[in-house]
Amino acid sequence: MPAAVDVTALALEVVSEKTGYPVEMLDLDMEMEAGLGIDSIKQVEILSELQERLPGIPEIAPDELASLRTLRDVAEKLAVATPVPAVATPVPA
């Protein structure tokens, strides 16, 4: 059974991989473009990687992506959209 995904940690990990910034340096309230120099093309790459690692989440439209300014915005958007795995309930014998 898949474990619940820590979307925030995953978002930071992917941003680190795509930008070269160490995870420890990243802050959820940093602006992607102004603070980290992540342009719209890099944002699409990051989102694409997140969607690959979080199968089943709805696609985020490009105009919606433009409104997500900070890493926290992205993590919160994905956390809301990420389906929570069902927990098996034991059946009494």
C-alpha atoms as a PDB file:
ATOM      1  CA  MET A   1       0.000   0.000   0.000  1.00  0.00           C
ATOM      2  CA  PRO A   2       1.506   3.400  -0.946  1.00  0.00           C
ATOM      3  CA  ALA A   3       2.409   5.718   1.896  1.00  0.00           C
ATOM      4  CA  ALA A   4       1.085   9.260   2.075  1.00  0.00           C
ATOM      5  CA  VAL A   5       3.322  11.599   0.103  1.00  0.00           C
ATOM      6  CA  ASP A   6       4.967  14.627   1.705  1.00  0.00           C
ATOM      7  CA  VAL A   7       4.234  16.997  -1.162  1.00  0.00           C
ATOM      8  CA  THR A   8       6.236  19.847   0.378  1.00  0.00           C
ATOM      9  CA  ALA A   9       9.380  17.744   0.742  1.00  0.00           C
ATOM     10  CA  LEU A  10       8.947  16.373  -2.769  1.00  0.00           C
ATOM     11  CA  ALA A  11       8.491  19.873  -4.216  1.00  0.00           C
ATOM     12  CA  LEU A  12      11.669  21.075  -2.482  1.00  0.00           C
ATOM     13  CA  GLU A  13      13.563  18.012  -3.711  1.00  0.00           C
ATOM     14  CA  VAL A  14      12.494  18.540  -7.331  1.00  0.00           C
ATOM     15  CA  VAL A  15      13.261  22.282  -7.228  1.00  0.00           C
ATOM     16  CA  SER A  16      16.694  21.434  -5.826  1.00  0.00           C
ATOM     17  CA  GLU A  17      17.318  18.905  -8.610  1.00  0.00           C
ATOM     18  CA  LYS A  18      16.175  21.276 -11.358  1.00  0.00           C
ATOM     19  CA  THR A  19      17.947  24.404 -10.094  1.00  0.00           C
ATOM     20  CA  GLY A  20      21.055  23.064  -8.376  1.00  0.00           C
ATOM     21  CA  TYR A  21      20.202  24.901  -5.139  1.00  0.00           C
ATOM     22  CA  PRO A  22      20.671  22.709  -2.045  1.00  0.00           C
ATOM     23  CA  VAL A  23      17.366  21.814  -0.347  1.00  0.00           C
ATOM     24  CA  GLU A  24      18.649  23.408   2.882  1.00  0.00           C
ATOM     25  CA  MET A  25      18.915  26.758   1.093  1.00  0.00           C
ATOM     26  CA  LEU A  26      15.365  26.665  -0.241  1.00  0.00           C
ATOM     27  CA  ASP A  27      12.572  28.342   1.684  1.00  0.00           C
ATOM     28  CA  LEU A  28       8.894  27.781   0.934  1.00  0.00           C
ATOM     29  CA  ASP A  29       8.210  31.513   0.888  1.00  0.00           C
ATOM     30  CA  MET A  30      10.911  32.326  -1.685  1.00  0.00           C
ATOM     31  CA  GLU A  31       9.510  33.673  -4.916  1.00  0.00           C
ATOM     32  CA  MET A  32      10.375  31.321  -7.726  1.00  0.00           C
ATOM     33  CA  GLU A  33      11.237  33.953 -10.302  1.00  0.00           C
ATOM     34  CA  ALA A  34      12.512  36.875  -8.211  1.00  0.00           C
ATOM     35  CA  GLY A  35      14.155  34.855  -5.430  1.00  0.00           C
ATOM     36  CA  LEU A  36      15.380  31.783  -7.272  1.00  0.00           C
ATOM     37  CA  GLY A  37      15.595  32.912 -10.899  1.00  0.00           C
ATOM     38  CA  ILE A  38      13.171  30.174 -11.991  1.00  0.00           C
ATOM     39  CA  ASP A  39      11.634  31.347 -15.259  1.00  0.00           C
ATOM     40  CA  SER A  40       8.370  30.075 -16.728  1.00  0.00           C
ATOM     41  CA  ILE A  41      10.114  27.351 -18.740  1.00  0.00           C
ATOM     42  CA  LYS A  42      11.875  26.003 -15.635  1.00  0.00           C
ATOM     43  CA  GLN A  43       8.565  26.210 -13.719  1.00  0.00           C
ATOM     44  CA  VAL A  44       6.954  23.984 -16.354  1.00  0.00           C
ATOM     45  CA  GLU A  45       9.877  21.527 -16.069  1.00  0.00           C
ATOM     46  CA  ILE A  46       9.485  21.421 -12.277  1.00  0.00           C
ATOM     47  CA  LEU A  47       5.722  20.950 -12.486  1.00  0.00           C
ATOM     48  CA  SER A  48       6.125  18.247 -15.117  1.00  0.00           C
ATOM     49  CA  GLU A  49       8.547  16.344 -12.871  1.00  0.00           C
ATOM     50  CA  LEU A  50       6.182  16.697  -9.905  1.00  0.00           C
ATOM     51  CA  GLN A  51       3.270  15.410 -11.982  1.00  0.00           C
ATOM     52  CA  GLU A  52       5.405  12.443 -13.038  1.00  0.00           C
ATOM     53  CA  ARG A  53       6.226  11.630  -9.401  1.00  0.00           C
ATOM     54  CA  LEU A  54       2.652  12.211  -8.210  1.00  0.00           C
ATOM     55  CA  PRO A  55       0.556  10.216 -10.682  1.00  0.00           C
ATOM     56  CA  GLY A  56      -3.117  10.997 -10.571  1.00  0.00           C
ATOM     57  CA  ILE A  57      -2.886  14.686  -9.717  1.00  0.00           C
ATOM     58  CA  PRO A  58      -4.822  16.954 -12.058  1.00  0.00           C
ATOM     59  CA  GLU A  59      -2.864  18.977 -14.576  1.00  0.00           C
ATOM     60  CA  ILE A  60      -2.231  22.598 -13.666  1.00  0.00           C
ATOM     61  CA  ALA A  61      -3.021  24.950 -16.543  1.00  0.00           C
ATOM     62  CA  PRO A  62      -0.228  27.307 -17.687  1.00  0.00           C
ATOM     63  CA  ASP A  63      -2.207  30.407 -16.654  1.00  0.00           C
ATOM     64  CA  GLU A  64      -2.764  28.847 -13.230  1.00  0.00           C
ATOM     65  CA  LEU A  65       0.946  28.005 -12.960  1.00  0.00           C
ATOM     66  CA  ALA A  66       1.774  31.668 -13.555  1.00  0.00           C
ATOM     67  CA  SER A  67      -0.280  32.591 -10.471  1.00  0.00           C
ATOM     68  CA  LEU A  68       1.802  30.284  -8.238  1.00  0.00           C
ATOM     69  CA  ARG A  69       4.583  32.632  -7.154  1.00  0.00           C
ATOM     70  CA  THR A  70       6.273  30.831  -4.256  1.00  0.00           C
ATOM     71  CA  LEU A  71       7.342  27.267  -3.542  1.00  0.00           C
ATOM     72  CA  ARG A  72       4.659  27.201  -0.839  1.00  0.00           C
ATOM     73  CA  ASP A  73       1.997  28.108  -3.440  1.00  0.00           C
ATOM     74  CA  VAL A  74       3.070  25.154  -5.590  1.00  0.00           C
ATOM     75  CA  ALA A  75       3.266  22.723  -2.656  1.00  0.00           C
ATOM     76  CA  GLU A  76      -0.165  23.776  -1.351  1.00  0.00           C
ATOM     77  CA  LYS A  77      -1.747  23.522  -4.797  1.00  0.00           C
ATOM     78  CA  LEU A  78      -0.342  20.026  -5.260  1.00  0.00           C
ATOM     79  CA  ALA A  79      -1.225  18.935  -1.714  1.00  0.00           C
ATOM     80  CA  VAL A  80      -4.860  19.870  -2.315  1.00  0.00           C
ATOM     81  CA  ALA A  81      -4.848  18.046  -5.658  1.00  0.00           C
ATOM     82  CA  THR A  82      -3.023  14.907  -4.471  1.00  0.00           C
ATOM     83  CA  PRO A  83      -5.355  11.997  -3.807  1.00  0.00           C
ATOM     84  CA  VAL A  84      -4.939  10.495  -0.348  1.00  0.00           C
ATOM     85  CA  PRO A  85      -4.359   6.741  -0.535  1.00  0.00           C
ATOM     86  CA  ALA A  86      -7.145   4.669   0.962  1.00  0.00           C
ATOM     87  CA  VAL A  87      -6.358   2.995   4.257  1.00  0.00           C
ATOM     88  CA  ALA A  88      -7.320  -0.656   4.457  1.00  0.00           C
ATOM     89  CA  THR A  89      -9.794  -1.349   7.240  1.00  0.00           C
ATOM     90  CA  PRO A  90      -9.320  -4.772   8.844  1.00  0.00           C
ATOM     91  CA  VAL A  91     -12.366  -6.987   8.629  1.00  0.00           C
ATOM     92  CA  PRO A  92     -13.236  -8.668  11.944  1.00  0.00           C
ATOM     93  CA  ALA A  93     -12.910 -12.459  11.798  1.00  0.00           C
END
